[in-house]
Amino acid sequence: MRNGELVDTLVVFSSGLLNLDELIQAMTRIHRDSHTLIRR
């Protein structure tokens, strides 16, 4: 997981600019990326 990407997601979400679908997509991508890093 790239901390910068997570922080950006949280900042945008806290600003109320993300709807629920976008939040789920972002979290799914971060979750998938973290598993990719673990497999390496």
Protein backbone atom coordinates (compact mmCIF):
# COMPACT_ATOMS: atom_id res chain seq x y z
CA MET A 1 0.00 0.00 0.00
CA ARG A 2 1.25 3.44 -0.89
CA ASN A 3 0.66 5.69 2.10
CA GLY A 4 0.32 8.75 -0.13
CA GLU A 5 -2.55 7.17 -2.04
CA LEU A 6 -4.33 6.17 1.15
CA VAL A 7 -3.92 9.66 2.60
CA ASP A 8 -5.23 11.22 -0.62
CA THR A 9 -8.27 8.95 -0.49
CA LEU A 10 -8.98 9.86 3.13
CA VAL A 11 -8.55 13.58 2.45
CA VAL A 12 -10.93 13.49 -0.50
CA PHE A 13 -13.43 11.38 1.43
CA SER A 14 -13.31 13.68 4.47
CA SER A 15 -13.94 16.60 2.12
CA GLY A 16 -17.17 14.90 1.04
CA LEU A 17 -16.11 14.58 -2.60
CA LEU A 18 -16.33 10.80 -2.78
CA ASN A 19 -19.57 8.91 -3.06
CA LEU A 20 -19.88 5.42 -1.56
CA ASP A 21 -19.14 3.60 -4.84
CA GLU A 22 -15.91 5.54 -5.37
CA LEU A 23 -14.84 4.84 -1.79
CA ILE A 24 -15.46 1.11 -2.24
CA GLN A 25 -13.51 1.09 -5.51
CA ALA A 26 -10.59 2.91 -3.91
CA MET A 27 -10.49 0.58 -0.91
CA THR A 28 -10.76 -2.47 -3.19
CA ARG A 29 -7.81 -1.23 -5.25
CA ILE A 30 -5.72 -0.55 -2.14
CA HIS A 31 -6.64 -3.96 -0.71
CA ARG A 32 -5.65 -5.69 -3.96
CA ASP A 33 -2.38 -3.72 -4.13
CA SER A 34 -1.50 -4.75 -0.57
CA HIS A 35 -1.95 -8.43 -1.48
CA THR A 36 0.22 -7.96 -4.56
CA LEU A 37 3.00 -6.52 -2.38
CA ILE A 38 2.69 -9.39 0.08
CA ARG A 39 3.00 -11.98 -2.71
CA ARG A 40 6.25 -10.40 -3.85
